[in-house]
N, C-alpha and C. Protein backbone atom coordinates (compact mmCIF):
# COMPACT_ATOMS: atom_id res chain seq x y z
N MET A 1 0.82 -1.14 -0.04
CA MET A 1 0.20 0.25 -0.04
C MET A 1 0.94 1.19 0.25
N ASP A 2 0.76 2.27 -0.89
CA ASP A 2 1.36 3.34 -1.18
C ASP A 2 1.11 4.35 -0.31
N LYS A 3 1.52 5.61 0.04
CA LYS A 3 1.56 6.54 1.14
C LYS A 3 0.17 7.20 0.63
N LYS A 4 -0.41 7.57 -0.02
CA LYS A 4 -1.59 8.13 -0.43
C LYS A 4 -2.74 7.06 -0.42
N ASP A 5 -3.11 5.82 -0.90
CA ASP A 5 -3.54 4.90 -0.31
C ASP A 5 -3.85 5.17 1.21
N LEU A 6 -2.38 5.13 2.17
CA LEU A 6 -2.46 5.25 3.68
C LEU A 6 -3.41 6.58 4.04
N ILE A 7 -3.23 7.61 3.46
CA ILE A 7 -3.25 9.18 3.96
C ILE A 7 -4.64 9.10 3.87
N ASP A 8 -5.35 8.09 2.81
CA ASP A 8 -7.06 8.55 2.08
C ASP A 8 -7.62 7.17 3.29
N LYS A 9 -6.97 6.02 3.70
CA LYS A 9 -7.54 5.44 4.90
C LYS A 9 -7.23 6.09 5.87
N ILE A 10 -6.71 7.18 6.27
CA ILE A 10 -6.53 7.87 7.62
C ILE A 10 -7.80 8.56 7.85
N ILE A 11 -7.47 9.36 6.71
CA ILE A 11 -8.53 10.03 6.66
C ILE A 11 -10.00 9.34 6.59
N ASP A 12 -10.46 8.68 5.82
CA ASP A 12 -11.88 7.86 5.87
C ASP A 12 -12.00 7.39 6.93
N TYR A 13 -10.98 6.96 8.40
CA TYR A 13 -10.95 6.19 9.33
C TYR A 13 -11.79 7.62 10.41
N LEU A 14 -10.65 8.76 9.99
CA LEU A 14 -11.32 9.82 11.31
C LEU A 14 -12.76 10.82 10.86
N ASN A 15 -13.04 10.77 9.48
CA ASN A 15 -14.27 10.84 9.49
C ASN A 15 -15.52 10.06 9.71
N LYS A 16 -14.99 8.80 9.76
CA LYS A 16 -16.14 7.89 10.12
C LYS A 16 -16.01 7.71 12.00
N ILE A 17 -14.95 8.00 12.62
CA ILE A 17 -15.01 7.68 13.95
C ILE A 17 -16.01 9.56 14.69
N ASN A 18 -15.82 10.24 13.54
CA ASN A 18 -15.88 11.42 13.93
C ASN A 18 -16.42 12.16 12.74
N PRO A 19 -18.27 12.27 12.61
CA PRO A 19 -18.17 12.85 10.97
C PRO A 19 -18.38 14.44 11.66
N LYS A 20 -17.84 14.79 12.47
CA LYS A 20 -17.81 16.88 12.72
C LYS A 20 -16.44 17.31 11.92
N VAL A 21 -15.63 15.93 11.62
CA VAL A 21 -14.60 16.57 11.33
C VAL A 21 -14.67 17.29 10.08
N ASN A 22 -13.90 18.29 9.63
CA ASN A 22 -13.94 18.49 8.01
C ASN A 22 -12.34 19.12 7.87
N SER A 23 -12.04 19.35 6.26
CA SER A 23 -10.96 19.83 5.64
C SER A 23 -9.90 18.61 6.36
N LEU A 24 -10.03 17.41 6.13
CA LEU A 24 -8.42 16.85 6.83
C LEU A 24 -8.12 16.46 5.48
N ASN A 25 -6.46 16.72 5.61
CA ASN A 25 -5.63 16.81 4.42
C ASN A 25 -4.18 16.02 4.96
N ASP A 26 -3.62 15.65 4.21
CA ASP A 26 -2.05 14.67 4.49
C ASP A 26 -1.45 15.96 5.47
N LYS A 27 -1.40 17.01 5.70
CA LYS A 27 -1.06 17.88 6.67
C LYS A 27 -1.67 17.99 7.90
N THR A 28 -3.00 17.56 8.32
CA THR A 28 -3.50 17.92 9.71
C THR A 28 -3.00 16.89 10.40
N LYS A 29 -2.55 18.28 11.82
CA LYS A 29 -2.00 17.18 13.01
C LYS A 29 -2.76 16.97 13.84
N LEU A 30 -2.76 15.29 13.97
CA LEU A 30 -3.69 14.57 14.77
C LEU A 30 -4.09 15.26 15.55
N LEU A 31 -3.33 15.37 16.67
CA LEU A 31 -3.61 15.64 18.34
C LEU A 31 -4.09 16.74 18.37
N GLU A 32 -3.79 17.54 17.60
CA GLU A 32 -3.49 19.19 17.22
C GLU A 32 -4.44 19.60 16.85
N GLU A 33 -4.99 19.92 15.56
CA GLU A 33 -5.99 19.93 14.56
C GLU A 33 -7.44 18.99 14.50
N VAL A 34 -7.16 17.58 14.87
CA VAL A 34 -8.24 16.86 15.05
C VAL A 34 -9.42 17.32 16.03
N ILE A 35 -10.22 17.73 16.06
CA ILE A 35 -11.29 18.10 17.49
C ILE A 35 -11.63 16.63 17.89
N ASP A 36 -11.47 16.64 19.41
CA ASP A 36 -12.54 15.38 20.13
C ASP A 36 -11.35 14.56 19.63
N PHE A 37 -10.14 14.54 19.28
CA PHE A 37 -9.10 13.32 19.03
C PHE A 37 -8.13 12.96 20.27
N ASP A 38 -8.37 12.57 20.51
CA ASP A 38 -7.20 12.09 21.84
C ASP A 38 -6.17 10.51 21.78
N SER A 39 -5.62 10.49 22.34
CA SER A 39 -4.12 9.55 22.48
C SER A 39 -5.55 8.00 22.02
N LEU A 40 -6.50 7.92 22.82
CA LEU A 40 -6.89 6.55 23.02
C LEU A 40 -7.70 6.35 21.19
N ASP A 41 -7.96 7.51 20.68
CA ASP A 41 -8.78 6.95 19.46
C ASP A 41 -7.17 7.10 18.72
N LEU A 42 -6.03 7.49 18.87
CA LEU A 42 -4.80 7.31 18.18
C LEU A 42 -4.75 6.60 17.94
N ALA A 43 -4.12 5.41 19.69
CA ALA A 43 -4.35 4.27 19.44
C ALA A 43 -5.28 3.12 19.01
N GLY A 44 -6.48 3.51 18.66
CA GLY A 44 -7.36 3.22 17.83
C GLY A 44 -7.05 2.92 16.05
N LEU A 45 -6.73 4.35 15.86
CA LEU A 45 -6.11 4.81 14.59
C LEU A 45 -4.84 3.64 13.92
N ILE A 46 -3.96 3.70 15.05
CA ILE A 46 -2.81 2.87 14.77
C ILE A 46 -3.34 1.14 14.60
N SER A 47 -3.57 0.81 15.77
CA SER A 47 -4.30 -0.72 15.52
C SER A 47 -4.97 -0.96 14.01
N TYR A 48 -6.40 0.09 13.94
CA TYR A 48 -6.18 -0.29 12.36
C TYR A 48 -5.09 -0.17 11.19
N LEU A 49 -4.59 0.82 11.11
CA LEU A 49 -3.77 0.81 10.65
C LEU A 49 -2.90 -0.77 10.05
N GLU A 50 -2.52 -0.81 11.49
CA GLU A 50 -1.79 -2.45 11.86
C GLU A 50 -2.55 -3.35 11.11
N GLU A 51 -3.88 -3.52 10.96
CA GLU A 51 -4.64 -4.18 10.75
C GLU A 51 -4.45 -4.24 8.94
N GLU A 52 -4.88 -3.31 8.88
CA GLU A 52 -4.83 -2.99 7.18
C GLU A 52 -3.55 -3.34 6.43
N THR A 53 -2.35 -2.99 7.21
CA THR A 53 -1.02 -3.36 6.32
C THR A 53 -0.28 -4.33 6.62
N ASN A 54 -0.56 -4.85 7.93
CA ASN A 54 0.19 -6.49 8.41
C ASN A 54 1.86 -5.70 9.20
N LEU A 55 1.63 -4.69 9.44
CA LEU A 55 2.79 -4.05 9.50
C LEU A 55 2.51 -3.52 11.50
N ASP A 56 3.82 -3.08 12.02
CA ASP A 56 4.04 -2.39 13.54
C ASP A 56 5.52 -1.81 13.30
N PRO A 57 4.98 -0.58 12.71
CA PRO A 57 6.30 0.30 12.89
C PRO A 57 6.63 0.77 14.64
N PHE A 58 5.97 0.33 14.99
CA PHE A 58 6.42 1.00 16.64
C PHE A 58 7.18 -0.56 17.31
N GLN A 59 7.19 -1.59 16.51
CA GLN A 59 7.22 -2.91 17.74
C GLN A 59 9.03 -2.68 17.89
N ASP A 60 10.13 -1.51 17.79
CA ASP A 60 11.35 -1.35 18.93
C ASP A 60 11.14 -0.21 18.84
N GLY A 61 9.65 0.50 19.32
CA GLY A 61 9.14 1.99 20.45
C GLY A 61 8.46 2.82 20.13
N PHE A 62 8.17 3.62 20.51
CA PHE A 62 7.24 4.40 19.68
C PHE A 62 8.16 5.46 18.70
N ILE A 63 7.95 6.33 17.67
CA ILE A 63 8.29 7.12 16.60
C ILE A 63 7.37 7.97 16.71
N GLU A 64 7.81 9.50 16.93
CA GLU A 64 7.12 10.52 16.67
C GLU A 64 6.51 10.80 15.56
N PHE A 65 5.38 11.38 15.44
CA PHE A 65 4.75 11.99 14.75
C PHE A 65 3.57 12.85 14.92
N GLU A 66 3.15 14.01 13.68
CA GLU A 66 2.08 14.77 14.38
C GLU A 66 1.07 14.76 13.17
N SER A 67 1.27 14.90 11.46
CA SER A 67 0.41 14.81 10.93
C SER A 67 0.37 13.48 10.37
N ILE A 68 -1.09 13.54 9.29
CA ILE A 68 -1.46 12.37 8.85
C ILE A 68 -0.47 11.92 8.03
N GLU A 69 0.21 12.16 7.41
CA GLU A 69 1.36 12.25 6.14
C GLU A 69 2.21 11.41 6.96
N GLU A 70 2.69 12.40 8.29
CA GLU A 70 3.66 11.57 8.84
C GLU A 70 3.62 9.91 9.39
N LEU A 71 2.39 9.97 9.71
CA LEU A 71 1.97 8.26 9.87
C LEU A 71 1.99 7.57 8.98
N ALA A 72 1.29 8.55 8.04
CA ALA A 72 1.14 7.25 6.74
C ALA A 72 2.68 6.40 6.20
N ILE A 73 3.74 7.68 6.44
CA ILE A 73 5.15 7.29 6.15
C ILE A 73 5.65 6.09 6.89
N LEU A 74 5.14 6.25 7.97
CA LEU A 74 5.89 4.84 9.16
C LEU A 74 5.22 4.14 8.41
N PHE A 75 3.82 3.43 8.20
CA PHE A 75 3.38 2.63 8.13
C PHE A 75 4.13 2.35 6.45
N THR A 76 4.34 3.17 5.41
CA THR A 76 5.04 2.70 4.31
C THR A 76 6.81 2.49 4.28
N GLU A 77 7.15 3.08 5.11
CA GLU A 77 8.52 2.82 4.79
C GLU A 77 9.01 1.60 5.98
N LYS A 78 7.85 1.29 6.78
CA LYS A 78 7.91 -0.57 7.23
C LYS A 78 7.91 -1.55 5.96
N SER A 79 7.61 -1.24 4.81
CA SER A 79 7.34 -2.07 4.26
C SER A 79 8.20 -2.13 2.96
N ASN A 80 9.28 -1.55 2.84
CA ASN A 80 9.91 -1.66 2.03
C ASN A 80 11.27 -2.03 2.46
């Protein structure tokens, strides 16, 4: 799965768990700019991406990221 596909999946996921969010894009900062999105929601998103990609970019420890794009990159880099 490429970065664009993952970005689309992340945005779709966010829209499903909170239909009130709007104007999400690859530069959207997850914990700063997505209203009513907290660390528990983030854990759910990461778990969803792990299931979708069969990858765990955090198996060796947490890697910092802020935006939707940065999270997508983590899951695409591990597949290379």
